[in-house]
Amino acid sequence: MEKKILISSDGIIVEGILYDSPCSNAIWNSLPLEGSVNLWGKEIYFAIPLVLEEDSTAQDVVELGAIAYWPPGRALCLFFGQTPVSHEDECRAASPVNLIGYITTDLSKLTKICSGSAVTVIQKS
C-alpha cells in the first residue's frame, strides 16, 4: 500500500509519498501532525512530537523534493532547493537526516510558504 500524504500550509497543499521504513512508518502511524514552519534556505522544517533515532537511510545530501526526519531537531524536513550549507546545486541538511519519502507535486509551491505559518500533515485517503 502506498502511503500518500498531504502537507498544507498558508493555503498551499503539496502531496508526498512515504517510503516503507521504521522511521516513515512511525511518522505515518502518528498522522495527523501539526507544527510551525521554519525556513532554512530552501528547506522547510518543523518539530514533531516523535523521538526517532538516525537510521541506515541517514545522509546529509538529499535529492530535490526529499521528505526527511532530522533526529537532532526532532523535525520533519522538506527539501526544495539549496540550504545555507549547500555546495553548488545540492540539497544539504545541517546534519544527517533519515530519508522517509518524496514530494510528488510542484516544488515551487513550497516557495510561497512563510516562516511561522502553521503546517499540517495528514494521510491522503
PDB file of N, CA and C in Angstrom:
ATOM      1  N   MET A   1       0.840  -1.188   0.000  1.00  0.00           N
ATOM      2  CA  MET A   1       0.000   0.000   0.000  1.00  0.00           C
ATOM      3  C   MET A   1       0.884   1.250   0.000  1.00  0.00           C
ATOM      4  N   GLU A   2       0.639   2.141  -0.950  1.00  0.00           N
ATOM      5  CA  GLU A   2       1.372   3.404  -0.992  1.00  0.00           C
ATOM      6  C   GLU A   2       0.894   4.303   0.130  1.00  0.00           C
ATOM      7  N   LYS A   3       1.828   4.912   0.829  1.00  0.00           N
ATOM      8  CA  LYS A   3       1.485   5.811   1.933  1.00  0.00           C
ATOM      9  C   LYS A   3       1.543   7.245   1.416  1.00  0.00           C
ATOM     10  N   LYS A   4       0.399   7.743   0.947  1.00  0.00           N
ATOM     11  CA  LYS A   4       0.324   9.096   0.399  1.00  0.00           C
ATOM     12  C   LYS A   4      -0.047  10.072   1.506  1.00  0.00           C
ATOM     13  N   ILE A   5       0.606  11.237   1.473  1.00  0.00           N
ATOM     14  CA  ILE A   5       0.335  12.269   2.475  1.00  0.00           C
ATOM     15  C   ILE A   5       0.025  13.594   1.800  1.00  0.00           C
ATOM     16  N   LEU A   6      -0.652  14.459   2.548  1.00  0.00           N
ATOM     17  CA  LEU A   6      -0.898  15.842   2.148  1.00  0.00           C
ATOM     18  C   LEU A   6      -0.259  16.740   3.191  1.00  0.00           C
ATOM     19  N   ILE A   7       0.495  17.718   2.718  1.00  0.00           N
ATOM     20  CA  ILE A   7       1.142  18.699   3.587  1.00  0.00           C
ATOM     21  C   ILE A   7       0.534  20.042   3.231  1.00  0.00           C
ATOM     22  N   SER A   8      -0.050  20.731   4.213  1.00  0.00           N
ATOM     23  CA  SER A   8      -0.709  22.007   3.918  1.00  0.00           C
ATOM     24  C   SER A   8      -0.229  23.107   4.851  1.00  0.00           C
ATOM     25  N   SER A   9      -0.073  24.303   4.254  1.00  0.00           N
ATOM     26  CA  SER A   9       0.341  25.491   5.000  1.00  0.00           C
ATOM     27  C   SER A   9       0.033  26.709   4.149  1.00  0.00           C
ATOM     28  N   ASP A  10      -0.431  27.771   4.759  1.00  0.00           N
ATOM     29  CA  ASP A  10      -0.716  29.022   4.043  1.00  0.00           C
ATOM     30  C   ASP A  10      -1.634  28.802   2.842  1.00  0.00           C
ATOM     31  N   GLY A  11      -2.575  27.860   2.940  1.00  0.00           N
ATOM     32  CA  GLY A  11      -3.493  27.588   1.839  1.00  0.00           C
ATOM     33  C   GLY A  11      -2.867  26.810   0.692  1.00  0.00           C
ATOM     34  N   ILE A  12      -1.635  26.377   0.857  1.00  0.00           N
ATOM     35  CA  ILE A  12      -0.912  25.630  -0.172  1.00  0.00           C
ATOM     36  C   ILE A  12      -0.894  24.162   0.243  1.00  0.00           C
ATOM     37  N   ILE A  13      -1.160  23.286  -0.707  1.00  0.00           N
ATOM     38  CA  ILE A  13      -1.156  21.849  -0.427  1.00  0.00           C
ATOM     39  C   ILE A  13      -0.189  21.165  -1.381  1.00  0.00           C
ATOM     40  N   VAL A  14       0.708  20.364  -0.817  1.00  0.00           N
ATOM     41  CA  VAL A  14       1.585  19.521  -1.632  1.00  0.00           C
ATOM     42  C   VAL A  14       1.364  18.073  -1.206  1.00  0.00           C
ATOM     43  N   GLU A  15       1.599  17.180  -2.148  1.00  0.00           N
ATOM     44  CA  GLU A  15       1.426  15.759  -1.888  1.00  0.00           C
ATOM     45  C   GLU A  15       2.780  15.080  -1.821  1.00  0.00           C
ATOM     46  N   GLY A  16       2.812  13.990  -1.083  1.00  0.00           N
ATOM     47  CA  GLY A  16       4.034  13.211  -0.990  1.00  0.00           C
ATOM     48  C   GLY A  16       3.722  11.747  -0.796  1.00  0.00           C
ATOM     49  N   ILE A  17       4.755  10.946  -0.917  1.00  0.00           N
ATOM     50  CA  ILE A  17       4.659   9.510  -0.669  1.00  0.00           C
ATOM     51  C   ILE A  17       5.765   9.145   0.313  1.00  0.00           C
ATOM     52  N   LEU A  18       5.393   8.372   1.334  1.00  0.00           N
ATOM     53  CA  LEU A  18       6.370   7.912   2.314  1.00  0.00           C
ATOM     54  C   LEU A  18       6.874   6.525   1.929  1.00  0.00           C
ATOM     55  N   TYR A  19       8.169   6.314   2.169  1.00  0.00           N
ATOM     56  CA  TYR A  19       8.781   5.006   1.941  1.00  0.00           C
ATOM     57  C   TYR A  19       8.321   4.028   3.016  1.00  0.00           C
ATOM     58  N   ASP A  20       8.681   2.778   2.829  1.00  0.00           N
ATOM     59  CA  ASP A  20       8.413   1.749   3.828  1.00  0.00           C
ATOM     60  C   ASP A  20       9.684   1.546   4.652  1.00  0.00           C
ATOM     61  N   SER A  21       9.738   2.201   5.805  1.00  0.00           N
ATOM     62  CA  SER A  21      10.878   2.072   6.716  1.00  0.00           C
ATOM     63  C   SER A  21      10.357   2.261   8.136  1.00  0.00           C
ATOM     64  N   PRO A  22      11.099   1.811   9.136  1.00  0.00           N
ATOM     65  CA  PRO A  22      10.632   2.010  10.512  1.00  0.00           C
ATOM     66  C   PRO A  22      10.365   3.484  10.840  1.00  0.00           C
ATOM     67  N   CYS A  23      11.237   4.386  10.388  1.00  0.00           N
ATOM     68  CA  CYS A  23      11.062   5.812  10.677  1.00  0.00           C
ATOM     69  C   CYS A  23       9.811   6.361   9.985  1.00  0.00           C
ATOM     70  N   SER A  24       9.666   6.095   8.696  1.00  0.00           N
ATOM     71  CA  SER A  24       8.497   6.620   7.979  1.00  0.00           C
ATOM     72  C   SER A  24       7.211   5.981   8.486  1.00  0.00           C
ATOM     73  N   ASN A  25       7.273   4.706   8.859  1.00  0.00           N
ATOM     74  CA  ASN A  25       6.083   4.048   9.398  1.00  0.00           C
ATOM     75  C   ASN A  25       5.669   4.661  10.732  1.00  0.00           C
ATOM     76  N   ALA A  26       6.635   5.011  11.578  1.00  0.00           N
ATOM     77  CA  ALA A  26       6.321   5.656  12.859  1.00  0.00           C
ATOM     78  C   ALA A  26       5.639   6.999  12.622  1.00  0.00           C
ATOM     79  N   ILE A  27       6.123   7.740  11.633  1.00  0.00           N
ATOM     80  CA  ILE A  27       5.514   9.036  11.315  1.00  0.00           C
ATOM     81  C   ILE A  27       4.120   8.830  10.732  1.00  0.00           C
ATOM     82  N   TRP A  28       3.976   7.913   9.785  1.00  0.00           N
ATOM     83  CA  TRP A  28       2.678   7.603   9.174  1.00  0.00           C
ATOM     84  C   TRP A  28       1.647   7.256  10.255  1.00  0.00           C
ATOM     85  N   ASN A  29       2.043   6.427  11.209  1.00  0.00           N
ATOM     86  CA  ASN A  29       1.127   5.989  12.265  1.00  0.00           C
ATOM     87  C   ASN A  29       0.808   7.091  13.268  1.00  0.00           C
ATOM     88  N   SER A  30       1.551   8.204  13.226  1.00  0.00           N
ATOM     89  CA  SER A  30       1.306   9.333  14.130  1.00  0.00           C
ATOM     90  C   SER A  30       0.486  10.441  13.472  1.00  0.00           C
ATOM     91  N   LEU A  31       0.188  10.302  12.187  1.00  0.00           N
ATOM     92  CA  LEU A  31      -0.574  11.349  11.493  1.00  0.00           C
ATOM     93  C   LEU A  31      -1.997  11.390  11.999  1.00  0.00           C
ATOM     94  N   PRO A  32      -2.614  12.588  12.071  1.00  0.00           N
ATOM     95  CA  PRO A  32      -2.117  13.881  11.589  1.00  0.00           C
ATOM     96  C   PRO A  32      -1.103  14.506  12.549  1.00  0.00           C
ATOM     97  N   LEU A  33      -0.206  15.306  11.965  1.00  0.00           N
ATOM     98  CA  LEU A  33       0.781  16.065  12.730  1.00  0.00           C
ATOM     99  C   LEU A  33       0.650  17.541  12.381  1.00  0.00           C
ATOM    100  N   GLU A  34       0.897  18.378  13.362  1.00  0.00           N
ATOM    101  CA  GLU A  34       0.864  19.827  13.145  1.00  0.00           C
ATOM    102  C   GLU A  34       2.144  20.437  13.679  1.00  0.00           C
ATOM    103  N   GLY A  35       2.527  21.561  13.089  1.00  0.00           N
ATOM    104  CA  GLY A  35       3.725  22.244  13.541  1.00  0.00           C
ATOM    105  C   GLY A  35       3.750  23.677  13.072  1.00  0.00           C
ATOM    106  N   SER A  36       4.885  24.317  13.288  1.00  0.00           N
ATOM    107  CA  SER A  36       5.106  25.700  12.879  1.00  0.00           C
ATOM    108  C   SER A  36       6.320  25.729  11.957  1.00  0.00           C
ATOM    109  N   VAL A  37       6.137  26.309  10.779  1.00  0.00           N
ATOM    110  CA  VAL A  37       7.164  26.306   9.738  1.00  0.00           C
ATOM    111  C   VAL A  37       8.397  27.101  10.148  1.00  0.00           C
ATOM    112  N   ASN A  38       9.555  26.502   9.912  1.00  0.00           N
ATOM    113  CA  ASN A  38      10.849  27.185   9.957  1.00  0.00           C
ATOM    114  C   ASN A  38      11.441  27.061   8.565  1.00  0.00           C
ATOM    115  N   LEU A  39      12.109  28.105   8.111  1.00  0.00           N
ATOM    116  CA  LEU A  39      12.782  28.077   6.812  1.00  0.00           C
ATOM    117  C   LEU A  39      14.279  28.152   7.026  1.00  0.00           C
ATOM    118  N   TRP A  40      15.008  27.357   6.270  1.00  0.00           N
ATOM    119  CA  TRP A  40      16.468  27.378   6.288  1.00  0.00           C
ATOM    120  C   TRP A  40      16.899  27.257   4.835  1.00  0.00           C
ATOM    121  N   GLY A  41      17.092  28.396   4.207  1.00  0.00           N
ATOM    122  CA  GLY A  41      17.300  28.392   2.767  1.00  0.00           C
ATOM    123  C   GLY A  41      16.047  27.846   2.111  1.00  0.00           C
ATOM    124  N   LYS A  42      16.216  26.863   1.234  1.00  0.00           N
ATOM    125  CA  LYS A  42      15.063  26.236   0.581  1.00  0.00           C
ATOM    126  C   LYS A  42      14.768  24.878   1.213  1.00  0.00           C
ATOM    127  N   GLU A  43      14.687  24.917   2.517  1.00  0.00           N
ATOM    128  CA  GLU A  43      14.255  23.762   3.311  1.00  0.00           C
ATOM    129  C   GLU A  43      13.211  24.259   4.292  1.00  0.00           C
ATOM    130  N   ILE A  44      12.092  23.554   4.345  1.00  0.00           N
ATOM    131  CA  ILE A  44      11.082  23.787   5.372  1.00  0.00           C
ATOM    132  C   ILE A  44      11.271  22.687   6.407  1.00  0.00           C
ATOM    133  N   TYR A  45      11.293  23.073   7.677  1.00  0.00           N
ATOM    134  CA  TYR A  45      11.333  22.050   8.724  1.00  0.00           C
ATOM    135  C   TYR A  45      10.435  22.483   9.868  1.00  0.00           C
ATOM    136  N   PHE A  46       9.909  21.498  10.577  1.00  0.00           N
ATOM    137  CA  PHE A  46       9.044  21.781  11.720  1.00  0.00           C
ATOM    138  C   PHE A  46       9.111  20.614  12.691  1.00  0.00           C
ATOM    139  N   ALA A  47       9.136  20.975  13.974  1.00  0.00           N
ATOM    140  CA  ALA A  47       9.239  19.979  15.042  1.00  0.00           C
ATOM    141  C   ALA A  47       7.972  19.134  15.105  1.00  0.00           C
ATOM    142  N   ILE A  48       8.168  17.853  15.383  1.00  0.00           N
ATOM    143  CA  ILE A  48       7.045  16.939  15.597  1.00  0.00           C
ATOM    144  C   ILE A  48       7.290  16.192  16.910  1.00  0.00           C
ATOM    145  N   PRO A  49       6.219  15.691  17.535  1.00  0.00           N
ATOM    146  CA  PRO A  49       6.370  15.071  18.858  1.00  0.00           C
ATOM    147  C   PRO A  49       6.804  13.601  18.811  1.00  0.00           C
ATOM    148  N   LEU A  50       7.825  13.309  18.007  1.00  0.00           N
ATOM    149  CA  LEU A  50       8.354  11.951  17.927  1.00  0.00           C
ATOM    150  C   LEU A  50       9.861  11.993  18.130  1.00  0.00           C
ATOM    151  N   VAL A  51      10.370  11.048  18.886  1.00  0.00           N
ATOM    152  CA  VAL A  51      11.811  10.925  19.082  1.00  0.00           C
ATOM    153  C   VAL A  51      12.244   9.652  18.360  1.00  0.00           C
ATOM    154  N   LEU A  52      12.929   9.835  17.228  1.00  0.00           N
ATOM    155  CA  LEU A  52      13.373   8.710  16.407  1.00  0.00           C
ATOM    156  C   LEU A  52      14.873   8.818  16.191  1.00  0.00           C
ATOM    157  N   GLU A  53      15.538   7.688  16.166  1.00  0.00           N
ATOM    158  CA  GLU A  53      16.994   7.653  16.018  1.00  0.00           C
ATOM    159  C   GLU A  53      17.403   7.742  14.551  1.00  0.00           C
ATOM    160  N   GLU A  54      18.641   8.165  14.338  1.00  0.00           N
ATOM    161  CA  GLU A  54      19.207   8.132  12.994  1.00  0.00           C
ATOM    162  C   GLU A  54      19.211   6.676  12.522  1.00  0.00           C
ATOM    163  N   ASP A  55      18.862   6.452  11.244  1.00  0.00           N
ATOM    164  CA  ASP A  55      18.807   5.086  10.731  1.00  0.00           C
ATOM    165  C   ASP A  55      19.722   4.899   9.521  1.00  0.00           C
ATOM    166  N   SER A  56      19.620   3.755   8.886  1.00  0.00           N
ATOM    167  CA  SER A  56      20.525   3.415   7.778  1.00  0.00           C
ATOM    168  C   SER A  56      20.307   4.272   6.536  1.00  0.00           C
ATOM    169  N   THR A  57      19.197   5.014   6.466  1.00  0.00           N
ATOM    170  CA  THR A  57      18.940   5.891   5.313  1.00  0.00           C
ATOM    171  C   THR A  57      19.566   7.266   5.489  1.00  0.00           C
ATOM    172  N   ALA A  58      20.120   7.539   6.671  1.00  0.00           N
ATOM    173  CA  ALA A  58      20.578   8.891   7.020  1.00  0.00           C
ATOM    174  C   ALA A  58      21.711   9.365   6.117  1.00  0.00           C
ATOM    175  N   GLN A  59      21.556  10.590   5.653  1.00  0.00           N
ATOM    176  CA  GLN A  59      22.592  11.256   4.864  1.00  0.00           C
ATOM    177  C   GLN A  59      22.386  12.755   4.968  1.00  0.00           C
ATOM    178  N   ASP A  60      23.432  13.515   4.651  1.00  0.00           N
ATOM    179  CA  ASP A  60      23.282  14.970   4.732  1.00  0.00           C
ATOM    180  C   ASP A  60      23.025  15.613   3.377  1.00  0.00           C
ATOM    181  N   VAL A  61      23.314  14.932   2.277  1.00  0.00           N
ATOM    182  CA  VAL A  61      22.963  15.439   0.950  1.00  0.00           C
ATOM    183  C   VAL A  61      21.809  14.592   0.435  1.00  0.00           C
ATOM    184  N   VAL A  62      20.700  15.264   0.078  1.00  0.00           N
ATOM    185  CA  VAL A  62      19.481  14.564  -0.331  1.00  0.00           C
ATOM    186  C   VAL A  62      19.042  15.046  -1.710  1.00  0.00           C
ATOM    187  N   GLU A  63      18.117  14.318  -2.294  1.00  0.00           N
ATOM    188  CA  GLU A  63      17.563  14.686  -3.594  1.00  0.00           C
ATOM    189  C   GLU A  63      16.579  15.847  -3.439  1.00  0.00           C
ATOM    190  N   LEU A  64      16.456  16.632  -4.482  1.00  0.00           N
ATOM    191  CA  LEU A  64      15.444  17.679  -4.550  1.00  0.00           C
ATOM    192  C   LEU A  64      14.076  17.023  -4.370  1.00  0.00           C
ATOM    193  N   GLY A  65      13.254  17.563  -3.470  1.00  0.00           N
ATOM    194  CA  GLY A  65      11.934  17.001  -3.217  1.00  0.00           C
ATOM    195  C   GLY A  65      11.894  15.966  -2.108  1.00  0.00           C
ATOM    196  N   ALA A  66      13.029  15.730  -1.460  1.00  0.00           N
ATOM    197  CA  ALA A  66      13.070  14.731  -0.384  1.00  0.00           C
ATOM    198  C   ALA A  66      12.247  15.185   0.819  1.00  0.00           C
ATOM    199  N   ILE A  67      11.614  14.208   1.453  1.00  0.00           N
ATOM    200  CA  ILE A  67      10.984  14.395   2.758  1.00  0.00           C
ATOM    201  C   ILE A  67      11.852  13.598   3.724  1.00  0.00           C
ATOM    202  N   ALA A  68      12.240  14.216   4.827  1.00  0.00           N
ATOM    203  CA  ALA A  68      13.165  13.565   5.751  1.00  0.00           C
ATOM    204  C   ALA A  68      12.787  13.875   7.195  1.00  0.00           C
ATOM    205  N   TYR A  69      13.355  13.082   8.093  1.00  0.00           N
ATOM    206  CA  TYR A  69      13.238  13.324   9.532  1.00  0.00           C
ATOM    207  C   TYR A  69      14.635  13.649  10.044  1.00  0.00           C
ATOM    208  N   TRP A  70      14.736  14.755  10.781  1.00  0.00           N
ATOM    209  CA  TRP A  70      16.013  15.225  11.318  1.00  0.00           C
ATOM    210  C   TRP A  70      16.076  14.867  12.799  1.00  0.00           C
ATOM    211  N   PRO A  71      16.799  13.793  13.165  1.00  0.00           N
ATOM    212  CA  PRO A  71      16.804  13.347  14.562  1.00  0.00           C
ATOM    213  C   PRO A  71      17.224  14.401  15.592  1.00  0.00           C
ATOM    214  N   PRO A  72      18.311  15.186  15.380  1.00  0.00           N
ATOM    215  CA  PRO A  72      18.682  16.157  16.419  1.00  0.00           C
ATOM    216  C   PRO A  72      17.598  17.206  16.696  1.00  0.00           C
ATOM    217  N   GLY A  73      16.855  17.586  15.672  1.00  0.00           N
ATOM    218  CA  GLY A  73      15.810  18.597  15.840  1.00  0.00           C
ATOM    219  C   GLY A  73      14.426  18.021  16.021  1.00  0.00           C
ATOM    220  N   ARG A  74      14.323  16.671  15.963  1.00  0.00           N
ATOM    221  CA  ARG A  74      13.017  16.007  16.056  1.00  0.00           C
ATOM    222  C   ARG A  74      12.031  16.675  15.102  1.00  0.00           C
ATOM    223  N   ALA A  75      12.455  16.809  13.847  1.00  0.00           N
ATOM    224  CA  ALA A  75      11.689  17.604  12.887  1.00  0.00           C
ATOM    225  C   ALA A  75      11.526  16.899  11.550  1.00  0.00           C
ATOM    226  N   LEU A  76      10.400  17.201  10.901  1.00  0.00           N
ATOM    227  CA  LEU A  76      10.198  16.815   9.508  1.00  0.00           C
ATOM    228  C   LEU A  76      10.814  17.894   8.637  1.00  0.00           C
ATOM    229  N   CYS A  77      11.420  17.488   7.529  1.00  0.00           N
ATOM    230  CA  CYS A  77      12.099  18.414   6.621  1.00  0.00           C
ATOM    231  C   CYS A  77      11.622  18.180   5.198  1.00  0.00           C
ATOM    232  N   LEU A  78      11.396  19.272   4.485  1.00  0.00           N
ATOM    233  CA  LEU A  78      11.027  19.232   3.071  1.00  0.00           C
ATOM    234  C   LEU A  78      12.085  20.007   2.309  1.00  0.00           C
ATOM    235  N   PHE A  79      12.768  19.358   1.387  1.00  0.00           N
ATOM    236  CA  PHE A  79      13.867  19.984   0.653  1.00  0.00           C
ATOM    237  C   PHE A  79      13.412  20.377  -0.744  1.00  0.00           C
ATOM    238  N   PHE A  80      13.504  21.690  -1.054  1.00  0.00           N
ATOM    239  CA  PHE A  80      13.099  22.157  -2.381  1.00  0.00           C
ATOM    240  C   PHE A  80      14.159  23.041  -3.029  1.00  0.00           C
ATOM    241  N   GLY A  81      15.391  22.934  -2.552  1.00  0.00           N
ATOM    242  CA  GLY A  81      16.497  23.694  -3.130  1.00  0.00           C
ATOM    243  C   GLY A  81      17.667  23.760  -2.170  1.00  0.00           C
ATOM    244  N   GLN A  82      18.534  24.722  -2.426  1.00  0.00           N
ATOM    245  CA  GLN A  82      19.747  24.862  -1.629  1.00  0.00           C
ATOM    246  C   GLN A  82      19.466  25.367  -0.220  1.00  0.00           C
ATOM    247  N   THR A  83      20.310  24.932   0.705  1.00  0.00           N
ATOM    248  CA  THR A  83      20.298  25.433   2.077  1.00  0.00           C
ATOM    249  C   THR A  83      21.571  26.257   2.271  1.00  0.00           C
ATOM    250  N   PRO A  84      21.710  26.946   3.405  1.00  0.00           N
ATOM    251  CA  PRO A  84      22.923  27.744   3.624  1.00  0.00           C
ATOM    252  C   PRO A  84      24.238  26.952   3.578  1.00  0.00           C
ATOM    253  N   VAL A  85      24.201  25.627   3.753  1.00  0.00           N
ATOM    254  CA  VAL A  85      25.439  24.841   3.719  1.00  0.00           C
ATOM    255  C   VAL A  85      25.602  24.026   2.428  1.00  0.00           C
ATOM    256  N   SER A  86      24.732  24.258   1.454  1.00  0.00           N
ATOM    257  CA  SER A  86      24.816  23.535   0.179  1.00  0.00           C
ATOM    258  C   SER A  86      26.055  23.948  -0.603  1.00  0.00           C
ATOM    259  N   HIS A  87      26.579  23.010  -1.378  1.00  0.00           N
ATOM    260  CA  HIS A  87      27.650  23.274  -2.334  1.00  0.00           C
ATOM    261  C   HIS A  87      27.024  23.167  -3.717  1.00  0.00           C
ATOM    262  N   GLU A  88      27.157  24.209  -4.513  1.00  0.00           N
ATOM    263  CA  GLU A  88      26.587  24.254  -5.857  1.00  0.00           C
ATOM    264  C   GLU A  88      25.086  23.990  -5.798  1.00  0.00           C
ATOM    265  N   ASP A  89      24.574  23.016  -6.564  1.00  0.00           N
ATOM    266  CA  ASP A  89      23.121  22.826  -6.671  1.00  0.00           C
ATOM    267  C   ASP A  89      22.543  21.764  -5.742  1.00  0.00           C
ATOM    268  N   GLU A  90      23.328  21.252  -4.809  1.00  0.00           N
ATOM    269  CA  GLU A  90      22.839  20.171  -3.956  1.00  0.00           C
ATOM    270  C   GLU A  90      21.872  20.674  -2.885  1.00  0.00           C
ATOM    271  N   CYS A  91      21.104  19.745  -2.330  1.00  0.00           N
ATOM    272  CA  CYS A  91      20.268  19.992  -1.155  1.00  0.00           C
ATOM    273  C   CYS A  91      21.006  19.351   0.014  1.00  0.00           C
ATOM    274  N   ARG A  92      21.513  20.168   0.928  1.00  0.00           N
ATOM    275  CA  ARG A  92      22.306  19.646   2.043  1.00  0.00           C
ATOM    276  C   ARG A  92      21.657  20.019   3.367  1.00  0.00           C
ATOM    277  N   ALA A  93      21.446  19.012   4.202  1.00  0.00           N
ATOM    278  CA  ALA A  93      20.896  19.219   5.540  1.00  0.00           C
ATOM    279  C   ALA A  93      22.003  19.683   6.488  1.00  0.00           C
ATOM    280  N   ALA A  94      21.604  20.213   7.633  1.00  0.00           N
ATOM    281  CA  ALA A  94      22.561  20.676   8.641  1.00  0.00           C
ATOM    282  C   ALA A  94      23.381  19.511   9.194  1.00  0.00           C
ATOM    283  N   SER A  95      22.753  18.348   9.292  1.00  0.00           N
ATOM    284  CA  SER A  95      23.389  17.106   9.726  1.00  0.00           C
ATOM    285  C   SER A  95      22.556  15.974   9.129  1.00  0.00           C
ATOM    286  N   PRO A  96      23.008  14.729   9.218  1.00  0.00           N
ATOM    287  CA  PRO A  96      22.278  13.652   8.549  1.00  0.00           C
ATOM    288  C   PRO A  96      20.798  13.574   8.934  1.00  0.00           C
ATOM    289  N   VAL A  97      19.982  13.319   7.913  1.00  0.00           N
ATOM    290  CA  VAL A  97      18.533  13.164   8.063  1.00  0.00           C
ATOM    291  C   VAL A  97      18.138  11.777   7.560  1.00  0.00           C
ATOM    292  N   ASN A  98      17.092  11.222   8.160  1.00  0.00           N
ATOM    293  CA  ASN A  98      16.542   9.943   7.703  1.00  0.00           C
ATOM    294  C   ASN A  98      15.630  10.218   6.517  1.00  0.00           C
ATOM    295  N   LEU A  99      15.883   9.585   5.396  1.00  0.00           N
ATOM    296  CA  LEU A  99      15.024   9.755   4.225  1.00  0.00           C
ATOM    297  C   LEU A  99      13.741   8.972   4.444  1.00  0.00           C
ATOM    298  N   ILE A 100      12.597   9.670   4.369  1.00  0.00           N
ATOM    299  CA  ILE A 100      11.330   8.987   4.635  1.00  0.00           C
ATOM    300  C   ILE A 100      10.358   9.043   3.467  1.00  0.00           C
ATOM    301  N   GLY A 101      10.629   9.872   2.448  1.00  0.00           N
ATOM    302  CA  GLY A 101       9.705   9.952   1.329  1.00  0.00           C
ATOM    303  C   GLY A 101      10.098  11.045   0.363  1.00  0.00           C
ATOM    304  N   TYR A 102       9.148  11.385  -0.518  1.00  0.00           N
ATOM    305  CA  TYR A 102       9.410  12.423  -1.513  1.00  0.00           C
ATOM    306  C   TYR A 102       8.118  13.143  -1.874  1.00  0.00           C
ATOM    307  N   ILE A 103       8.276  14.386  -2.283  1.00  0.00           N
ATOM    308  CA  ILE A 103       7.155  15.228  -2.696  1.00  0.00           C
ATOM    309  C   ILE A 103       6.839  14.909  -4.153  1.00  0.00           C
ATOM    310  N   THR A 104       5.551  14.752  -4.457  1.00  0.00           N
ATOM    311  CA  THR A 104       5.138  14.359  -5.805  1.00  0.00           C
ATOM    312  C   THR A 104       4.520  15.501  -6.601  1.00  0.00           C
ATOM    313  N   THR A 105       4.341  16.654  -5.989  1.00  0.00           N
ATOM    314  CA  THR A 105       3.747  17.790  -6.697  1.00  0.00           C
ATOM    315  C   THR A 105       4.800  18.870  -6.917  1.00  0.00           C
ATOM    316  N   ASP A 106       4.418  19.913  -7.605  1.00  0.00           N
ATOM    317  CA  ASP A 106       5.302  21.013  -7.988  1.00  0.00           C
ATOM    318  C   ASP A 106       5.977  21.631  -6.760  1.00  0.00           C
ATOM    319  N   LEU A 107       7.303  21.531  -6.716  1.00  0.00           N
ATOM    320  CA  LEU A 107       8.066  22.049  -5.573  1.00  0.00           C
ATOM    321  C   LEU A 107       8.003  23.565  -5.463  1.00  0.00           C
ATOM    322  N   SER A 108       7.714  24.265  -6.554  1.00  0.00           N
ATOM    323  CA  SER A 108       7.674  25.735  -6.499  1.00  0.00           C
ATOM    324  C   SER A 108       6.588  26.232  -5.549  1.00  0.00           C
ATOM    325  N   LYS A 109       5.581  25.409  -5.276  1.00  0.00           N
ATOM    326  CA  LYS A 109       4.542  25.795  -4.308  1.00  0.00           C
ATOM    327  C   LYS A 109       5.150  26.071  -2.935  1.00  0.00           C
ATOM    328  N   LEU A 110       6.214  25.340  -2.597  1.00  0.00           N
ATOM    329  CA  LEU A 110       6.822  25.482  -1.271  1.00  0.00           C
ATOM    330  C   LEU A 110       7.467  26.848  -1.069  1.00  0.00           C
ATOM    331  N   THR A 111       7.832  27.532  -2.146  1.00  0.00           N
ATOM    332  CA  THR A 111       8.458  28.855  -2.026  1.00  0.00           C
ATOM    333  C   THR A 111       7.479  29.895  -1.495  1.00  0.00           C
ATOM    334  N   LYS A 112       6.184  29.601  -1.532  1.00  0.00           N
ATOM    335  CA  LYS A 112       5.157  30.551  -1.089  1.00  0.00           C
ATOM    336  C   LYS A 112       4.805  30.397   0.384  1.00  0.00           C
ATOM    337  N   ILE A 113       5.379  29.409   1.049  1.00  0.00           N
ATOM    338  CA  ILE A 113       5.081  29.167   2.463  1.00  0.00           C
ATOM    339  C   ILE A 113       6.013  30.009   3.325  1.00  0.00           C
ATOM    340  N   CYS A 114       5.433  30.677   4.319  1.00  0.00           N
ATOM    341  CA  CYS A 114       6.181  31.620   5.162  1.00  0.00           C
ATOM    342  C   CYS A 114       6.574  30.997   6.501  1.00  0.00           C
ATOM    343  N   SER A 115       7.718  31.427   7.003  1.00  0.00           N
ATOM    344  CA  SER A 115       8.180  31.013   8.317  1.00  0.00           C
ATOM    345  C   SER A 115       7.154  31.420   9.370  1.00  0.00           C
ATOM    346  N   GLY A 116       6.907  30.560  10.330  1.00  0.00           N
ATOM    347  CA  GLY A 116       5.947  30.837  11.390  1.00  0.00           C
ATOM    348  C   GLY A 116       4.540  30.378  11.074  1.00  0.00           C
ATOM    349  N   SER A 117       4.285  30.002   9.825  1.00  0.00           N
ATOM    350  CA  SER A 117       2.951  29.531   9.443  1.00  0.00           C
ATOM    351  C   SER A 117       2.674  28.159  10.049  1.00  0.00           C
ATOM    352  N   ALA A 118       1.408  27.897  10.294  1.00  0.00           N
ATOM    353  CA  ALA A 118       1.008  26.569  10.752  1.00  0.00           C
ATOM    354  C   ALA A 118       1.117  25.596   9.584  1.00  0.00           C
ATOM    355  N   VAL A 119       1.539  24.371   9.879  1.00  0.00           N
ATOM    356  CA  VAL A 119       1.643  23.326   8.856  1.00  0.00           C
ATOM    357  C   VAL A 119       0.989  22.062   9.401  1.00  0.00           C
ATOM    358  N   THR A 120       0.284  21.356   8.518  1.00  0.00           N
ATOM    359  CA  THR A 120      -0.393  20.118   8.889  1.00  0.00           C
ATOM    360  C   THR A 120      -0.013  19.025   7.901  1.00  0.00           C
ATOM    361  N   VAL A 121       0.206  17.827   8.417  1.00  0.00           N
ATOM    362  CA  VAL A 121       0.479  16.659   7.579  1.00  0.00           C
ATOM    363  C   VAL A 121      -0.574  15.610   7.914  1.00  0.00           C
ATOM    364  N   ILE A 122      -1.270  15.133   6.873  1.00  0.00           N
ATOM    365  CA  ILE A 122      -2.314  14.129   7.067  1.00  0.00           C
ATOM    366  C   ILE A 122      -2.130  12.987   6.069  1.00  0.00           C
ATOM    367  N   GLN A 123      -2.780  11.866   6.365  1.00  0.00           N
ATOM    368  CA  GLN A 123      -2.834  10.770   5.405  1.00  0.00           C
ATOM    369  C   GLN A 123      -3.813  11.151   4.308  1.00  0.00           C
ATOM    370  N   LYS A 124      -3.438  10.899   3.057  1.00  0.00           N
ATOM    371  CA  LYS A 124      -4.344  11.153   1.935  1.00  0.00           C
ATOM    372  C   LYS A 124      -5.207   9.917   1.747  1.00  0.00           C
ATOM    373  N   SER A 125      -6.539  10.143   1.743  1.00  0.00           N
ATOM    374  CA  SER A 125      -7.433   8.986   1.592  1.00  0.00           C
ATOM    375  C   SER A 125      -7.708   8.672   0.144  1.00  0.00           C
TER     376      SER A 125
END
